[in-house]
């Protein structure tokens, strides 16, 4: 993959956040209308979209250096990769690692449990399609209920506020701010940790 121009990376940051916001707004509309399955599916899509910000910001940081654009291209297209980096960002900001002697080991342990990500990906499919399997034939509304949809929406809404804290929504005014602040450090750390845990230095 050829390198992406700085102007396009700048535009991507603003538009990705705007689209994630719209997806979550649509999810809330459906949630309030009792369309829990569709709401759940859109919430998962919003999480995937937000995860792209970690990938894009990491590219911004190394845009003028040697950067693995092929890896970037693969990861930004894979649902599993996006759910993985979102999960790690969520873990970092919501887990108290201060009492952990082996912080990297704990992050590895938490990230190595893919069951939640698998359920999210399956739930996204279940939210849109009739499920036909040995377990039976089920409508989306038979699989995803109020509490599940609301819980995922609430957690994702909290994460949206985190991403908003370091991003701008207007592509004409968006700047490469936030890379050296806590926001930038966390999302870049997540991408780096997934690529090469041993090379990452965790903050004390």
C-alpha atoms as a PDB file:
ATOM      1  CA  UNK A   1       0.000   0.000   0.000  1.00  0.00           C
ATOM      2  CA  UNK A   2       1.237   3.493  -0.855  1.00  0.00           C
ATOM      3  CA  UNK A   3       1.577   6.019   1.988  1.00  0.00           C
ATOM      4  CA  UNK A   4      -1.498   8.115   2.716  1.00  0.00           C
ATOM      5  CA  UNK A   5      -1.043  11.865   2.378  1.00  0.00           C
ATOM      6  CA  UNK A   6      -1.010  13.903   5.580  1.00  0.00           C
ATOM      7  CA  UNK A   7      -4.020  15.914   4.379  1.00  0.00           C
ATOM      8  CA  UNK A   8      -6.025  12.708   3.928  1.00  0.00           C
ATOM      9  CA  UNK A   9      -5.031  11.410   7.354  1.00  0.00           C
ATOM     10  CA  UNK A  10      -6.168  14.716   8.818  1.00  0.00           C
ATOM     11  CA  UNK A  11      -9.493  14.438   6.997  1.00  0.00           C
ATOM     12  CA  UNK A  12      -9.859  10.806   8.043  1.00  0.00           C
ATOM     13  CA  UNK A  13      -9.585  11.643  11.746  1.00  0.00           C
ATOM     14  CA  UNK A  14     -12.427  14.129  11.552  1.00  0.00           C
ATOM     15  CA  UNK A  15     -14.707  12.086   9.312  1.00  0.00           C
ATOM     16  CA  UNK A  16     -14.198   8.802  11.154  1.00  0.00           C
ATOM     17  CA  UNK A  17     -15.166  10.441  14.446  1.00  0.00           C
ATOM     18  CA  UNK A  18     -18.165  12.131  12.815  1.00  0.00           C
ATOM     19  CA  UNK A  19     -19.336   8.845  11.343  1.00  0.00           C
ATOM     20  CA  UNK A  20     -18.869   6.973  14.627  1.00  0.00           C
ATOM     21  CA  UNK A  21     -20.946   9.675  16.322  1.00  0.00           C
ATOM     22  CA  UNK A  22     -23.727   9.308  13.747  1.00  0.00           C
ATOM     23  CA  UNK A  23     -23.718   5.520  14.080  1.00  0.00           C
ATOM     24  CA  UNK A  24     -24.136   5.832  17.829  1.00  0.00           C
ATOM     25  CA  UNK A  25     -26.871   8.451  17.440  1.00  0.00           C
ATOM     26  CA  UNK A  26     -28.733   6.066  15.127  1.00  0.00           C
ATOM     27  CA  UNK A  27     -28.186   3.258  17.639  1.00  0.00           C
ATOM     28  CA  UNK A  28     -29.777   5.400  20.366  1.00  0.00           C
ATOM     29  CA  UNK A  29     -32.740   6.223  18.146  1.00  0.00           C
ATOM     30  CA  UNK A  30     -33.332   2.513  17.557  1.00  0.00           C
ATOM     31  CA  UNK A  31     -32.757   1.706  21.227  1.00  0.00           C
ATOM     32  CA  UNK A  32     -35.389   4.218  22.297  1.00  0.00           C
ATOM     33  CA  UNK A  33     -37.759   2.755  19.697  1.00  0.00           C
ATOM     34  CA  UNK A  34     -37.361  -0.746  21.101  1.00  0.00           C
ATOM     35  CA  UNK A  35     -35.367  -1.996  18.104  1.00  0.00           C
ATOM     36  CA  UNK A  36     -32.742  -3.582  20.309  1.00  0.00           C
ATOM     37  CA  UNK A  37     -31.131  -5.943  17.820  1.00  0.00           C
ATOM     38  CA  UNK A  38     -30.502  -3.248  15.206  1.00  0.00           C
ATOM     39  CA  UNK A  39     -29.329  -0.861  17.922  1.00  0.00           C
ATOM     40  CA  UNK A  40     -26.823  -3.433  19.159  1.00  0.00           C
ATOM     41  CA  UNK A  41     -25.488  -4.048  15.646  1.00  0.00           C
ATOM     42  CA  UNK A  42     -25.007  -0.332  14.969  1.00  0.00           C
ATOM     43  CA  UNK A  43     -23.292   0.105  18.321  1.00  0.00           C
ATOM     44  CA  UNK A  44     -20.759  -2.564  17.365  1.00  0.00           C
ATOM     45  CA  UNK A  45     -20.180  -0.754  14.060  1.00  0.00           C
ATOM     46  CA  UNK A  46     -19.596   2.483  15.990  1.00  0.00           C
ATOM     47  CA  UNK A  47     -16.962   0.709  18.098  1.00  0.00           C
ATOM     48  CA  UNK A  48     -15.208  -0.523  14.969  1.00  0.00           C
ATOM     49  CA  UNK A  49     -15.265   2.966  13.488  1.00  0.00           C
ATOM     50  CA  UNK A  50     -13.785   4.520  16.628  1.00  0.00           C
ATOM     51  CA  UNK A  51     -11.036   1.911  16.621  1.00  0.00           C
ATOM     52  CA  UNK A  52      -9.894   3.224  13.252  1.00  0.00           C
ATOM     53  CA  UNK A  53      -8.875   6.436  15.015  1.00  0.00           C
ATOM     54  CA  UNK A  54      -6.166   4.580  16.929  1.00  0.00           C
ATOM     55  CA  UNK A  55      -4.846   3.205  13.651  1.00  0.00           C
ATOM     56  CA  UNK A  56      -4.976   6.564  11.874  1.00  0.00           C
ATOM     57  CA  UNK A  57      -3.380   8.518  14.729  1.00  0.00           C
ATOM     58  CA  UNK A  58      -0.586   5.936  14.900  1.00  0.00           C
ATOM     59  CA  UNK A  59      -0.015   6.469  11.173  1.00  0.00           C
ATOM     60  CA  UNK A  60       0.065  10.235  11.715  1.00  0.00           C
ATOM     61  CA  UNK A  61       2.787   9.860  14.311  1.00  0.00           C
ATOM     62  CA  UNK A  62       5.018   7.937  11.913  1.00  0.00           C
ATOM     63  CA  UNK A  63       3.891   9.431   8.612  1.00  0.00           C
ATOM     64  CA  UNK A  64       7.304  10.962   7.960  1.00  0.00           C
ATOM     65  CA  UNK A  65       9.235   7.872   9.067  1.00  0.00           C
ATOM     66  CA  UNK A  66       9.286   4.266   8.009  1.00  0.00           C
ATOM     67  CA  UNK A  67       5.762   2.992   8.540  1.00  0.00           C
ATOM     68  CA  UNK A  68       4.163  -0.341   7.668  1.00  0.00           C
ATOM     69  CA  UNK A  69       1.353   0.846   5.421  1.00  0.00           C
ATOM     70  CA  UNK A  70       0.530  -2.724   4.382  1.00  0.00           C
ATOM     71  CA  UNK A  71      -0.159  -3.619   8.026  1.00  0.00           C
ATOM     72  CA  UNK A  72      -2.270  -0.478   8.369  1.00  0.00           C
ATOM     73  CA  UNK A  73      -4.272  -1.446   5.274  1.00  0.00           C
ATOM     74  CA  UNK A  74      -4.881  -4.989   6.544  1.00  0.00           C
ATOM     75  CA  UNK A  75      -5.898  -3.944  10.031  1.00  0.00           C
ATOM     76  CA  UNK A  76      -8.198  -1.084   9.093  1.00  0.00           C
ATOM     77  CA  UNK A  77     -10.241  -3.465   6.919  1.00  0.00           C
ATOM     78  CA  UNK A  78     -10.515  -6.334   9.422  1.00  0.00           C
ATOM     79  CA  UNK A  79     -13.445  -6.333  11.852  1.00  0.00           C
ATOM     80  CA  UNK A  80     -11.524  -8.473  14.339  1.00  0.00           C
ATOM     81  CA  UNK A  81      -8.521  -6.112  14.354  1.00  0.00           C
ATOM     82  CA  UNK A  82     -10.726  -3.087  14.970  1.00  0.00           C
ATOM     83  CA  UNK A  83     -12.605  -4.777  17.796  1.00  0.00           C
ATOM     84  CA  UNK A  84      -9.258  -5.856  19.275  1.00  0.00           C
ATOM     85  CA  UNK A  85      -7.741  -2.369  19.385  1.00  0.00           C
ATOM     86  CA  UNK A  86     -11.004  -0.887  20.694  1.00  0.00           C
ATOM     87  CA  UNK A  87     -11.030  -3.533  23.437  1.00  0.00           C
ATOM     88  CA  UNK A  88      -7.459  -2.697  24.427  1.00  0.00           C
ATOM     89  CA  UNK A  89      -8.141   1.056  24.572  1.00  0.00           C
ATOM     90  CA  UNK A  90     -11.205   0.332  26.721  1.00  0.00           C
ATOM     91  CA  UNK A  91      -9.143  -1.955  28.968  1.00  0.00           C
ATOM     92  CA  UNK A  92      -6.399   0.644  29.400  1.00  0.00           C
ATOM     93  CA  UNK A  93      -8.730   3.453  30.440  1.00  0.00           C
ATOM     94  CA  UNK A  94     -11.080   1.363  32.578  1.00  0.00           C
ATOM     95  CA  UNK A  95      -8.732  -1.058  34.354  1.00  0.00           C
ATOM     96  CA  UNK A  96      -6.696  -0.126  37.412  1.00  0.00           C
ATOM     97  CA  UNK A  97      -3.242  -1.513  36.702  1.00  0.00           C
ATOM     98  CA  UNK A  98      -1.533   0.460  39.459  1.00  0.00           C
ATOM     99  CA  UNK A  99      -1.487  -2.529  41.807  1.00  0.00           C
ATOM    100  CA  UNK A 100      -0.192  -4.881  39.145  1.00  0.00           C
ATOM    101  CA  UNK A 101       3.510  -5.687  39.336  1.00  0.00           C
ATOM    102  CA  UNK A 102       3.442  -7.203  35.855  1.00  0.00           C
ATOM    103  CA  UNK A 103       1.334  -4.664  33.976  1.00  0.00           C
ATOM    104  CA  UNK A 104       2.211  -6.029  30.538  1.00  0.00           C
ATOM    105  CA  UNK A 105       1.336  -9.541  31.595  1.00  0.00           C
ATOM    106  CA  UNK A 106      -2.036  -8.345  32.877  1.00  0.00           C
ATOM    107  CA  UNK A 107      -2.763  -6.458  29.651  1.00  0.00           C
ATOM    108  CA  UNK A 108      -1.771  -9.533  27.660  1.00  0.00           C
ATOM    109  CA  UNK A 109      -4.075 -11.667  29.791  1.00  0.00           C
ATOM    110  CA  UNK A 110      -7.038  -9.332  29.392  1.00  0.00           C
ATOM    111  CA  UNK A 111      -6.464  -8.952  25.656  1.00  0.00           C
ATOM    112  CA  UNK A 112      -5.986 -12.682  25.136  1.00  0.00           C
ATOM    113  CA  UNK A 113      -9.599 -13.371  26.054  1.00  0.00           C
ATOM    114  CA  UNK A 114     -11.333 -13.004  22.679  1.00  0.00           C
ATOM    115  CA  UNK A 115     -14.704 -14.328  23.812  1.00  0.00           C
ATOM    116  CA  UNK A 116     -16.213 -10.865  24.277  1.00  0.00           C
ATOM    117  CA  UNK A 117     -14.969  -9.706  20.859  1.00  0.00           C
ATOM    118  CA  UNK A 118     -16.326 -12.880  19.278  1.00  0.00           C
ATOM    119  CA  UNK A 119     -19.723 -12.251  20.879  1.00  0.00           C
ATOM    120  CA  UNK A 120     -19.711  -8.652  19.643  1.00  0.00           C
ATOM    121  CA  UNK A 121     -18.957  -9.714  16.087  1.00  0.00           C
ATOM    122  CA  UNK A 122     -21.599 -12.435  16.212  1.00  0.00           C
ATOM    123  CA  UNK A 123     -24.058 -10.041  17.839  1.00  0.00           C
ATOM    124  CA  UNK A 124     -23.517  -7.586  15.018  1.00  0.00           C
ATOM    125  CA  UNK A 125     -24.534 -10.298  12.546  1.00  0.00           C
ATOM    126  CA  UNK A 126     -27.416 -11.455  14.752  1.00  0.00           C
ATOM    127  CA  UNK A 127     -28.687  -7.879  14.883  1.00  0.00           C
ATOM    128  CA  UNK A 128     -29.228  -7.814  11.129  1.00  0.00           C
ATOM    129  CA  UNK A 129     -29.890 -11.372   9.974  1.00  0.00           C
ATOM    130  CA  UNK A 130     -32.122 -14.329  10.777  1.00  0.00           C
ATOM    131  CA  UNK A 131     -29.991 -16.947  12.512  1.00  0.00           C
ATOM    132  CA  UNK A 132     -30.228 -20.435  11.020  1.00  0.00           C
ATOM    133  CA  UNK A 133     -28.257 -23.085  12.893  1.00  0.00           C
ATOM    134  CA  UNK A 134     -28.535 -26.303  14.865  1.00  0.00           C
ATOM    135  CA  UNK A 135     -29.774 -24.154  17.734  1.00  0.00           C
ATOM    136  CA  UNK A 136     -32.821 -23.241  15.666  1.00  0.00           C
ATOM    137  CA  UNK A 137     -34.102 -20.417  13.501  1.00  0.00           C
ATOM    138  CA  UNK A 138     -34.266 -17.086  15.281  1.00  0.00           C
ATOM    139  CA  UNK A 139     -35.130 -13.532  14.391  1.00  0.00           C
ATOM    140  CA  UNK A 140     -32.718 -10.790  15.500  1.00  0.00           C
ATOM    141  CA  UNK A 141     -35.291  -9.724  18.106  1.00  0.00           C
ATOM    142  CA  UNK A 142     -35.197 -13.264  19.550  1.00  0.00           C
ATOM    143  CA  UNK A 143     -31.453 -13.002  20.193  1.00  0.00           C
ATOM    144  CA  UNK A 144     -30.747  -9.466  21.428  1.00  0.00           C
ATOM    145  CA  UNK A 145     -32.775  -7.891  24.213  1.00  0.00           C
ATOM    146  CA  UNK A 146     -33.110  -4.514  25.944  1.00  0.00           C
ATOM    147  CA  UNK A 147     -30.533  -4.967  28.709  1.00  0.00           C
ATOM    148  CA  UNK A 148     -27.811  -6.270  26.383  1.00  0.00           C
ATOM    149  CA  UNK A 149     -28.313  -3.456  23.869  1.00  0.00           C
ATOM    150  CA  UNK A 150     -28.444  -0.733  26.539  1.00  0.00           C
ATOM    151  CA  UNK A 151     -25.369  -1.990  28.345  1.00  0.00           C
ATOM    152  CA  UNK A 152     -23.289  -2.024  25.157  1.00  0.00           C
ATOM    153  CA  UNK A 153     -24.603   1.398  24.127  1.00  0.00           C
ATOM    154  CA  UNK A 154     -23.735   2.952  27.511  1.00  0.00           C
ATOM    155  CA  UNK A 155     -20.184   1.570  27.484  1.00  0.00           C
ATOM    156  CA  UNK A 156     -19.663   2.660  23.896  1.00  0.00           C
ATOM    157  CA  UNK A 157     -21.044   6.130  24.590  1.00  0.00           C
ATOM    158  CA  UNK A 158     -18.446   6.528  27.345  1.00  0.00           C
ATOM    159  CA  UNK A 159     -15.724   5.531  24.890  1.00  0.00           C
ATOM    160  CA  UNK A 160     -17.023   8.026  22.339  1.00  0.00           C
ATOM    161  CA  UNK A 161     -16.503  10.809  24.874  1.00  0.00           C
ATOM    162  CA  UNK A 162     -12.928   9.617  25.336  1.00  0.00           C
ATOM    163  CA  UNK A 163     -12.258   9.736  21.584  1.00  0.00           C
ATOM    164  CA  UNK A 164     -13.950  13.125  21.330  1.00  0.00           C
ATOM    165  CA  UNK A 165     -11.573  14.442  23.980  1.00  0.00           C
ATOM    166  CA  UNK A 166      -8.658  14.222  21.567  1.00  0.00           C
ATOM    167  CA  UNK A 167     -10.290  14.739  18.197  1.00  0.00           C
ATOM    168  CA  UNK A 168     -12.014  17.470  16.188  1.00  0.00           C
ATOM    169  CA  UNK A 169     -15.104  16.808  14.090  1.00  0.00           C
ATOM    170  CA  UNK A 170     -14.483  19.452  11.414  1.00  0.00           C
ATOM    171  CA  UNK A 171     -11.975  18.252   8.767  1.00  0.00           C
ATOM    172  CA  UNK A 172     -11.152  21.871   7.875  1.00  0.00           C
ATOM    173  CA  UNK A 173     -10.086  22.757  11.409  1.00  0.00           C
ATOM    174  CA  UNK A 174      -8.868  19.378  12.636  1.00  0.00           C
ATOM    175  CA  UNK A 175      -5.199  19.453  13.574  1.00  0.00           C
ATOM    176  CA  UNK A 176      -2.637  16.863  14.577  1.00  0.00           C
ATOM    177  CA  UNK A 177      -3.217  17.601  18.236  1.00  0.00           C
ATOM    178  CA  UNK A 178      -3.436  15.028  20.941  1.00  0.00           C
ATOM    179  CA  UNK A 179      -0.576  12.745  19.942  1.00  0.00           C
ATOM    180  CA  UNK A 180       1.594  13.796  22.861  1.00  0.00           C
ATOM    181  CA  UNK A 181      -1.214  14.130  25.396  1.00  0.00           C
ATOM    182  CA  UNK A 182      -2.847  11.331  27.390  1.00  0.00           C
ATOM    183  CA  UNK A 183      -5.374  10.605  24.649  1.00  0.00           C
ATOM    184  CA  UNK A 184      -2.711  10.179  21.989  1.00  0.00           C
ATOM    185  CA  UNK A 185      -0.448   8.168  24.245  1.00  0.00           C
ATOM    186  CA  UNK A 186      -3.208   5.710  25.091  1.00  0.00           C
ATOM    187  CA  UNK A 187      -4.413   5.026  21.565  1.00  0.00           C
ATOM    188  CA  UNK A 188      -0.868   4.828  20.174  1.00  0.00           C
ATOM    189  CA  UNK A 189       0.102   2.538  23.046  1.00  0.00           C
ATOM    190  CA  UNK A 190      -2.787   0.242  22.141  1.00  0.00           C
ATOM    191  CA  UNK A 191      -1.675  -0.078  18.530  1.00  0.00           C
ATOM    192  CA  UNK A 192       1.967  -0.566  19.516  1.00  0.00           C
ATOM    193  CA  UNK A 193       1.100  -3.137  22.179  1.00  0.00           C
ATOM    194  CA  UNK A 194      -0.843  -5.248  19.701  1.00  0.00           C
ATOM    195  CA  UNK A 195       2.004  -5.104  17.189  1.00  0.00           C
ATOM    196  CA  UNK A 196       4.938  -5.631  19.566  1.00  0.00           C
ATOM    197  CA  UNK A 197       4.195  -5.881  23.313  1.00  0.00           C
ATOM    198  CA  UNK A 198       7.850  -6.339  24.253  1.00  0.00           C
ATOM    199  CA  UNK A 199       8.842  -3.000  22.709  1.00  0.00           C
ATOM    200  CA  UNK A 200       6.203  -0.999  24.586  1.00  0.00           C
ATOM    201  CA  UNK A 201       7.138   0.942  27.710  1.00  0.00           C
ATOM    202  CA  UNK A 202       4.072   1.328  29.913  1.00  0.00           C
ATOM    203  CA  UNK A 203       3.666   4.496  31.962  1.00  0.00           C
ATOM    204  CA  UNK A 204       4.346   4.029  35.677  1.00  0.00           C
END
